[in-house]
Amino acid sequence: MLLPALERIAAGATIADPRAVGVLTVACGPHPGDSAWSDPGLASLSPRERDVLRLMTLGRTNSAIAGDLCVSPGTVEKRVAAIFTKLGLNGGDGENRRVLSVLRLLSAQGQGAVPAPEVRTARRPHLTRAA
């Protein structure tokens, strides 16, 4: 389990324990009427898109979100795409739009700004499995 996680990190992925994110979200997560929704991009989200974004903060997959909301996975995909568009996340430069969406929501809670990610110019070395 550790080696696959390290390989994902080496490839530039972000890994977060969904349980830890869930605790943070429940403890200080925004709800309708909270100041987090005063962010122009977040304020433009529909109530259902907000539900999807909240579940994304818990580390839920599109399939799991679909099950939680009793909708099809295709519907969730459309809502996620709408979230990315409304938040102005085009996914360029190797950005993970899902992570950026969650960070935007969490930083809008008034818990302090989330620092901008460092720009990397050199590629990370790839891990290989020992035979």
N, C-alpha and C. Protein backbone atom coordinates (compact mmCIF):
# COMPACT_ATOMS: atom_id res chain seq x y z
N MET A 1 0.82 -1.19 0.00
CA MET A 1 0.00 0.00 0.00
C MET A 1 0.86 1.25 0.00
N LEU A 2 2.01 1.23 0.66
CA LEU A 2 2.88 2.38 0.72
C LEU A 2 3.52 2.66 -0.64
N LEU A 3 4.00 1.62 -1.31
CA LEU A 3 4.67 1.81 -2.59
C LEU A 3 3.77 2.45 -3.64
N PRO A 4 2.51 1.98 -3.81
CA PRO A 4 1.64 2.66 -4.77
C PRO A 4 1.40 4.13 -4.42
N ALA A 5 1.29 4.42 -3.14
CA ALA A 5 1.09 5.81 -2.73
C ALA A 5 2.32 6.65 -3.07
N LEU A 6 3.51 6.12 -2.82
CA LEU A 6 4.73 6.85 -3.15
C LEU A 6 4.87 7.04 -4.65
N GLU A 7 4.47 6.03 -5.42
CA GLU A 7 4.53 6.16 -6.88
C GLU A 7 3.58 7.26 -7.36
N ARG A 8 2.40 7.34 -6.77
CA ARG A 8 1.45 8.39 -7.15
C ARG A 8 1.99 9.77 -6.80
N ILE A 9 2.62 9.90 -5.64
CA ILE A 9 3.20 11.18 -5.22
C ILE A 9 4.34 11.55 -6.16
N ALA A 10 5.19 10.58 -6.49
CA ALA A 10 6.31 10.85 -7.40
C ALA A 10 5.82 11.28 -8.78
N ALA A 11 4.66 10.81 -9.18
CA ALA A 11 4.09 11.18 -10.47
C ALA A 11 3.38 12.53 -10.41
N GLY A 12 3.36 13.15 -9.23
CA GLY A 12 2.76 14.47 -9.11
C GLY A 12 1.36 14.48 -8.54
N ALA A 13 0.84 13.32 -8.14
CA ALA A 13 -0.51 13.25 -7.59
C ALA A 13 -0.53 13.78 -6.16
N THR A 14 -1.70 14.09 -5.71
CA THR A 14 -1.91 14.52 -4.33
C THR A 14 -2.65 13.43 -3.60
N ILE A 15 -2.20 13.12 -2.40
CA ILE A 15 -2.85 12.07 -1.62
C ILE A 15 -3.26 12.67 -0.28
N ALA A 16 -4.50 12.47 0.07
CA ALA A 16 -5.01 12.93 1.36
C ALA A 16 -5.89 11.83 1.93
N ASP A 17 -5.79 11.63 3.21
CA ASP A 17 -6.62 10.64 3.86
C ASP A 17 -8.05 11.17 3.91
N PRO A 18 -8.98 10.50 3.22
CA PRO A 18 -10.36 11.00 3.20
C PRO A 18 -10.96 11.17 4.59
N ARG A 19 -10.53 10.35 5.55
CA ARG A 19 -11.06 10.49 6.91
C ARG A 19 -10.62 11.81 7.53
N ALA A 20 -9.36 12.19 7.30
CA ALA A 20 -8.87 13.46 7.86
C ALA A 20 -9.59 14.64 7.21
N VAL A 21 -9.74 14.58 5.90
CA VAL A 21 -10.44 15.65 5.19
C VAL A 21 -11.89 15.72 5.67
N GLY A 22 -12.50 14.56 5.88
CA GLY A 22 -13.88 14.52 6.36
C GLY A 22 -14.04 15.17 7.72
N VAL A 23 -13.09 14.90 8.62
CA VAL A 23 -13.15 15.50 9.95
C VAL A 23 -13.04 17.02 9.84
N LEU A 24 -12.11 17.49 9.01
CA LEU A 24 -11.97 18.94 8.83
C LEU A 24 -13.22 19.56 8.23
N THR A 25 -13.80 18.87 7.28
CA THR A 25 -14.99 19.40 6.61
C THR A 25 -16.18 19.48 7.57
N VAL A 26 -16.36 18.44 8.36
CA VAL A 26 -17.47 18.44 9.31
C VAL A 26 -17.24 19.48 10.40
N ALA A 27 -16.00 19.58 10.87
CA ALA A 27 -15.69 20.50 11.95
C ALA A 27 -15.83 21.96 11.53
N CYS A 28 -15.41 22.25 10.32
CA CYS A 28 -15.44 23.66 9.91
C CYS A 28 -15.97 23.84 8.50
N GLY A 29 -16.72 22.87 8.03
CA GLY A 29 -17.24 22.95 6.67
C GLY A 29 -18.34 23.97 6.51
N PRO A 30 -18.34 24.62 5.35
CA PRO A 30 -19.37 25.62 5.11
C PRO A 30 -20.72 24.99 4.80
N HIS A 31 -21.74 25.69 5.14
CA HIS A 31 -23.11 25.29 4.84
C HIS A 31 -23.80 26.48 4.21
N PRO A 32 -24.91 26.28 3.53
CA PRO A 32 -25.59 27.42 2.91
C PRO A 32 -25.78 28.54 3.93
N GLY A 33 -25.48 29.75 3.50
CA GLY A 33 -25.58 30.90 4.38
C GLY A 33 -24.26 31.27 5.02
N ASP A 34 -23.28 30.35 5.03
CA ASP A 34 -21.97 30.65 5.57
C ASP A 34 -21.23 31.60 4.64
N SER A 35 -20.24 32.29 5.19
CA SER A 35 -19.49 33.26 4.40
C SER A 35 -18.69 32.60 3.28
N ALA A 36 -18.42 31.31 3.36
CA ALA A 36 -17.67 30.64 2.29
C ALA A 36 -18.38 30.79 0.96
N TRP A 37 -19.70 30.82 1.00
CA TRP A 37 -20.45 30.91 -0.25
C TRP A 37 -20.49 32.33 -0.79
N SER A 38 -19.84 33.28 -0.11
CA SER A 38 -19.77 34.64 -0.64
C SER A 38 -18.66 34.77 -1.68
N ASP A 39 -17.77 33.79 -1.76
CA ASP A 39 -16.78 33.76 -2.84
C ASP A 39 -17.56 33.74 -4.16
N PRO A 40 -17.25 34.64 -5.10
CA PRO A 40 -18.05 34.73 -6.33
C PRO A 40 -18.20 33.41 -7.07
N GLY A 41 -17.14 32.65 -7.20
CA GLY A 41 -17.24 31.37 -7.90
C GLY A 41 -18.09 30.38 -7.15
N LEU A 42 -17.88 30.29 -5.85
CA LEU A 42 -18.66 29.36 -5.03
C LEU A 42 -20.12 29.79 -4.95
N ALA A 43 -20.36 31.09 -4.90
CA ALA A 43 -21.73 31.59 -4.83
C ALA A 43 -22.53 31.26 -6.09
N SER A 44 -21.82 31.07 -7.20
CA SER A 44 -22.51 30.79 -8.46
C SER A 44 -22.93 29.32 -8.58
N LEU A 45 -22.48 28.48 -7.65
CA LEU A 45 -22.84 27.06 -7.71
C LEU A 45 -24.30 26.84 -7.31
N SER A 46 -24.94 25.92 -8.00
CA SER A 46 -26.32 25.56 -7.64
C SER A 46 -26.29 24.76 -6.34
N PRO A 47 -27.42 24.62 -5.67
CA PRO A 47 -27.45 23.82 -4.44
C PRO A 47 -26.93 22.39 -4.65
N ARG A 48 -27.26 21.78 -5.78
CA ARG A 48 -26.81 20.41 -6.02
C ARG A 48 -25.31 20.37 -6.30
N GLU A 49 -24.79 21.39 -6.98
CA GLU A 49 -23.34 21.47 -7.20
C GLU A 49 -22.61 21.65 -5.88
N ARG A 50 -23.21 22.40 -4.97
CA ARG A 50 -22.62 22.56 -3.64
C ARG A 50 -22.60 21.22 -2.90
N ASP A 51 -23.66 20.44 -3.03
CA ASP A 51 -23.69 19.11 -2.41
C ASP A 51 -22.57 18.25 -2.96
N VAL A 52 -22.39 18.29 -4.29
CA VAL A 52 -21.34 17.50 -4.92
C VAL A 52 -19.97 17.96 -4.42
N LEU A 53 -19.75 19.27 -4.35
CA LEU A 53 -18.47 19.79 -3.88
C LEU A 53 -18.20 19.39 -2.43
N ARG A 54 -19.23 19.44 -1.59
CA ARG A 54 -19.06 19.02 -0.20
C ARG A 54 -18.62 17.55 -0.13
N LEU A 55 -19.24 16.71 -0.95
CA LEU A 55 -18.87 15.29 -0.95
C LEU A 55 -17.47 15.09 -1.54
N MET A 56 -17.07 15.94 -2.46
CA MET A 56 -15.71 15.88 -2.98
C MET A 56 -14.70 16.17 -1.87
N THR A 57 -15.06 17.07 -0.93
CA THR A 57 -14.14 17.38 0.17
C THR A 57 -13.95 16.18 1.09
N LEU A 58 -14.87 15.24 1.02
CA LEU A 58 -14.74 14.01 1.83
C LEU A 58 -13.94 12.94 1.11
N GLY A 59 -13.44 13.28 -0.08
CA GLY A 59 -12.64 12.32 -0.84
C GLY A 59 -13.47 11.32 -1.61
N ARG A 60 -14.75 11.60 -1.79
CA ARG A 60 -15.64 10.66 -2.47
C ARG A 60 -15.39 10.65 -3.97
N THR A 61 -15.48 9.49 -4.58
CA THR A 61 -15.38 9.36 -6.03
C THR A 61 -16.70 9.78 -6.66
N ASN A 62 -16.70 9.99 -7.97
CA ASN A 62 -17.94 10.33 -8.65
C ASN A 62 -18.99 9.24 -8.46
N SER A 63 -18.55 8.00 -8.52
CA SER A 63 -19.47 6.87 -8.34
C SER A 63 -20.08 6.88 -6.94
N ALA A 64 -19.26 7.15 -5.94
CA ALA A 64 -19.76 7.19 -4.56
C ALA A 64 -20.70 8.37 -4.36
N ILE A 65 -20.36 9.51 -4.97
CA ILE A 65 -21.22 10.68 -4.88
C ILE A 65 -22.57 10.37 -5.51
N ALA A 66 -22.54 9.69 -6.66
CA ALA A 66 -23.79 9.32 -7.34
C ALA A 66 -24.66 8.47 -6.42
N GLY A 67 -24.05 7.52 -5.73
CA GLY A 67 -24.80 6.68 -4.80
C GLY A 67 -25.36 7.47 -3.64
N ASP A 68 -24.56 8.39 -3.11
CA ASP A 68 -25.01 9.21 -1.98
C ASP A 68 -26.19 10.11 -2.35
N LEU A 69 -26.16 10.64 -3.58
CA LEU A 69 -27.19 11.59 -4.00
C LEU A 69 -28.32 10.94 -4.81
N CYS A 70 -28.21 9.62 -5.01
CA CYS A 70 -29.22 8.87 -5.77
C CYS A 70 -29.40 9.42 -7.18
N VAL A 71 -28.28 9.66 -7.85
CA VAL A 71 -28.28 10.10 -9.24
C VAL A 71 -27.31 9.21 -10.01
N SER A 72 -27.30 9.36 -11.32
CA SER A 72 -26.39 8.55 -12.14
C SER A 72 -24.98 9.13 -12.08
N PRO A 73 -23.97 8.28 -12.32
CA PRO A 73 -22.59 8.79 -12.38
C PRO A 73 -22.43 9.88 -13.45
N GLY A 74 -23.17 9.76 -14.56
CA GLY A 74 -23.10 10.78 -15.60
C GLY A 74 -23.58 12.13 -15.11
N THR A 75 -24.60 12.12 -14.28
CA THR A 75 -25.11 13.37 -13.71
C THR A 75 -24.04 14.00 -12.82
N VAL A 76 -23.36 13.18 -12.04
CA VAL A 76 -22.29 13.71 -11.18
C VAL A 76 -21.17 14.28 -12.03
N GLU A 77 -20.81 13.59 -13.11
CA GLU A 77 -19.76 14.09 -13.99
C GLU A 77 -20.12 15.46 -14.55
N LYS A 78 -21.37 15.64 -14.93
CA LYS A 78 -21.82 16.94 -15.44
C LYS A 78 -21.76 18.01 -14.36
N ARG A 79 -22.14 17.66 -13.16
CA ARG A 79 -22.10 18.63 -12.05
C ARG A 79 -20.65 19.00 -11.73
N VAL A 80 -19.76 18.02 -11.72
CA VAL A 80 -18.34 18.28 -11.44
C VAL A 80 -17.77 19.19 -12.53
N ALA A 81 -18.10 18.91 -13.78
CA ALA A 81 -17.62 19.76 -14.88
C ALA A 81 -18.14 21.19 -14.72
N ALA A 82 -19.40 21.33 -14.30
CA ALA A 82 -19.97 22.66 -14.08
C ALA A 82 -19.26 23.38 -12.94
N ILE A 83 -18.90 22.65 -11.89
CA ILE A 83 -18.15 23.23 -10.77
C ILE A 83 -16.82 23.77 -11.28
N PHE A 84 -16.11 22.96 -12.06
CA PHE A 84 -14.82 23.40 -12.58
C PHE A 84 -14.97 24.66 -13.43
N THR A 85 -15.98 24.69 -14.27
CA THR A 85 -16.21 25.84 -15.14
C THR A 85 -16.53 27.09 -14.32
N LYS A 86 -17.44 26.96 -13.36
CA LYS A 86 -17.84 28.11 -12.56
C LYS A 86 -16.72 28.63 -11.67
N LEU A 87 -15.79 27.76 -11.29
CA LEU A 87 -14.65 28.18 -10.47
C LEU A 87 -13.47 28.62 -11.33
N GLY A 88 -13.64 28.55 -12.66
CA GLY A 88 -12.59 29.00 -13.57
C GLY A 88 -11.38 28.09 -13.60
N LEU A 89 -11.60 26.81 -13.37
CA LEU A 89 -10.50 25.84 -13.36
C LEU A 89 -10.47 25.11 -14.70
N ASN A 90 -9.49 25.45 -15.51
CA ASN A 90 -9.42 24.85 -16.84
C ASN A 90 -8.54 23.61 -16.89
N GLY A 91 -7.81 23.31 -15.83
CA GLY A 91 -7.01 22.09 -15.77
C GLY A 91 -5.69 22.17 -16.50
N GLY A 92 -5.26 23.36 -16.87
CA GLY A 92 -3.98 23.51 -17.55
C GLY A 92 -2.82 23.35 -16.61
N ASP A 93 -1.65 23.21 -17.18
CA ASP A 93 -0.39 23.13 -16.43
C ASP A 93 -0.37 22.00 -15.41
N GLY A 94 -1.03 20.89 -15.71
CA GLY A 94 -0.99 19.73 -14.83
C GLY A 94 -1.73 19.92 -13.53
N GLU A 95 -2.65 20.86 -13.48
CA GLU A 95 -3.41 21.11 -12.25
C GLU A 95 -4.46 20.02 -12.04
N ASN A 96 -4.67 19.68 -10.79
CA ASN A 96 -5.73 18.74 -10.43
C ASN A 96 -6.94 19.58 -10.03
N ARG A 97 -7.90 19.69 -10.96
CA ARG A 97 -9.06 20.57 -10.73
C ARG A 97 -9.88 20.13 -9.53
N ARG A 98 -9.95 18.84 -9.29
CA ARG A 98 -10.73 18.34 -8.15
C ARG A 98 -10.12 18.84 -6.84
N VAL A 99 -8.81 18.72 -6.72
CA VAL A 99 -8.12 19.20 -5.51
C VAL A 99 -8.26 20.71 -5.39
N LEU A 100 -8.08 21.43 -6.49
CA LEU A 100 -8.19 22.89 -6.44
C LEU A 100 -9.59 23.34 -6.03
N SER A 101 -10.61 22.62 -6.47
CA SER A 101 -11.99 22.94 -6.08
C SER A 101 -12.17 22.80 -4.57
N VAL A 102 -11.68 21.69 -4.04
CA VAL A 102 -11.79 21.43 -2.61
C VAL A 102 -11.01 22.48 -1.82
N LEU A 103 -9.80 22.79 -2.27
CA LEU A 103 -8.99 23.80 -1.57
C LEU A 103 -9.67 25.16 -1.60
N ARG A 104 -10.31 25.47 -2.70
CA ARG A 104 -11.02 26.77 -2.81
C ARG A 104 -12.13 26.84 -1.78
N LEU A 105 -12.89 25.75 -1.64
CA LEU A 105 -13.97 25.72 -0.67
C LEU A 105 -13.44 25.83 0.75
N LEU A 106 -12.42 25.05 1.06
CA LEU A 106 -11.87 25.06 2.41
C LEU A 106 -11.24 26.41 2.76
N SER A 107 -10.56 27.04 1.80
CA SER A 107 -9.93 28.33 2.09
C SER A 107 -10.95 29.45 2.21
N ALA A 108 -12.11 29.30 1.59
CA ALA A 108 -13.15 30.33 1.65
C ALA A 108 -13.91 30.33 2.97
N GLN A 109 -13.62 29.38 3.82
CA GLN A 109 -14.33 29.28 5.10
C GLN A 109 -13.89 30.31 6.12
N GLY A 110 -12.83 31.06 5.80
CA GLY A 110 -12.32 32.00 6.78
C GLY A 110 -11.32 31.36 7.71
N GLN A 111 -10.87 30.17 7.36
CA GLN A 111 -9.89 29.46 8.18
C GLN A 111 -8.48 29.84 7.77
N GLY A 112 -8.33 30.86 6.94
CA GLY A 112 -7.02 31.27 6.45
C GLY A 112 -6.85 30.84 5.01
N ALA A 113 -6.04 31.55 4.33
CA ALA A 113 -5.83 31.28 2.92
C ALA A 113 -4.98 30.02 2.75
N VAL A 114 -5.25 29.31 1.69
CA VAL A 114 -4.44 28.17 1.32
C VAL A 114 -3.33 28.69 0.43
N PRO A 115 -2.06 28.41 0.76
CA PRO A 115 -0.98 28.95 -0.05
C PRO A 115 -1.02 28.41 -1.47
N ALA A 116 -0.57 29.23 -2.41
CA ALA A 116 -0.52 28.80 -3.80
C ALA A 116 0.53 27.71 -3.94
N PRO A 117 0.28 26.73 -4.80
CA PRO A 117 1.26 25.67 -4.97
C PRO A 117 2.52 26.19 -5.63
N GLU A 118 3.65 25.57 -5.31
CA GLU A 118 4.91 25.94 -5.94
C GLU A 118 4.89 25.48 -7.39
N VAL A 119 5.52 26.26 -8.24
CA VAL A 119 5.64 25.89 -9.64
C VAL A 119 6.92 25.10 -9.80
N ARG A 120 6.79 23.91 -10.32
CA ARG A 120 7.96 23.05 -10.51
C ARG A 120 8.42 23.13 -11.95
N THR A 121 9.71 23.28 -12.14
CA THR A 121 10.23 23.32 -13.50
C THR A 121 10.92 22.01 -13.87
N ALA A 122 11.42 21.29 -12.90
CA ALA A 122 12.10 20.03 -13.18
C ALA A 122 11.15 18.87 -12.91
N ARG A 123 11.30 17.82 -13.67
CA ARG A 123 10.47 16.64 -13.47
C ARG A 123 11.00 15.84 -12.29
N ARG A 124 10.10 15.24 -11.56
CA ARG A 124 10.49 14.39 -10.44
C ARG A 124 10.97 13.05 -10.94
N PRO A 125 11.88 12.43 -10.22
CA PRO A 125 12.33 11.09 -10.63
C PRO A 125 11.20 10.09 -10.42
N HIS A 126 11.15 9.09 -11.28
CA HIS A 126 10.13 8.06 -11.16
C HIS A 126 10.64 6.92 -10.29
N LEU A 127 9.78 6.41 -9.44
CA LEU A 127 10.12 5.26 -8.62
C LEU A 127 9.87 4.00 -9.44
N THR A 128 10.74 3.05 -9.26
CA THR A 128 10.53 1.76 -9.94
C THR A 128 10.49 0.68 -8.88
N ARG A 129 9.79 -0.37 -9.20
CA ARG A 129 9.70 -1.48 -8.27
C ARG A 129 10.94 -2.35 -8.37
N ALA A 130 11.41 -2.76 -7.23
CA ALA A 130 12.56 -3.69 -7.21
C ALA A 130 12.07 -5.08 -7.59
N ALA A 131 12.88 -5.78 -8.33
CA ALA A 131 12.48 -7.12 -8.77
C ALA A 131 12.62 -8.13 -7.65
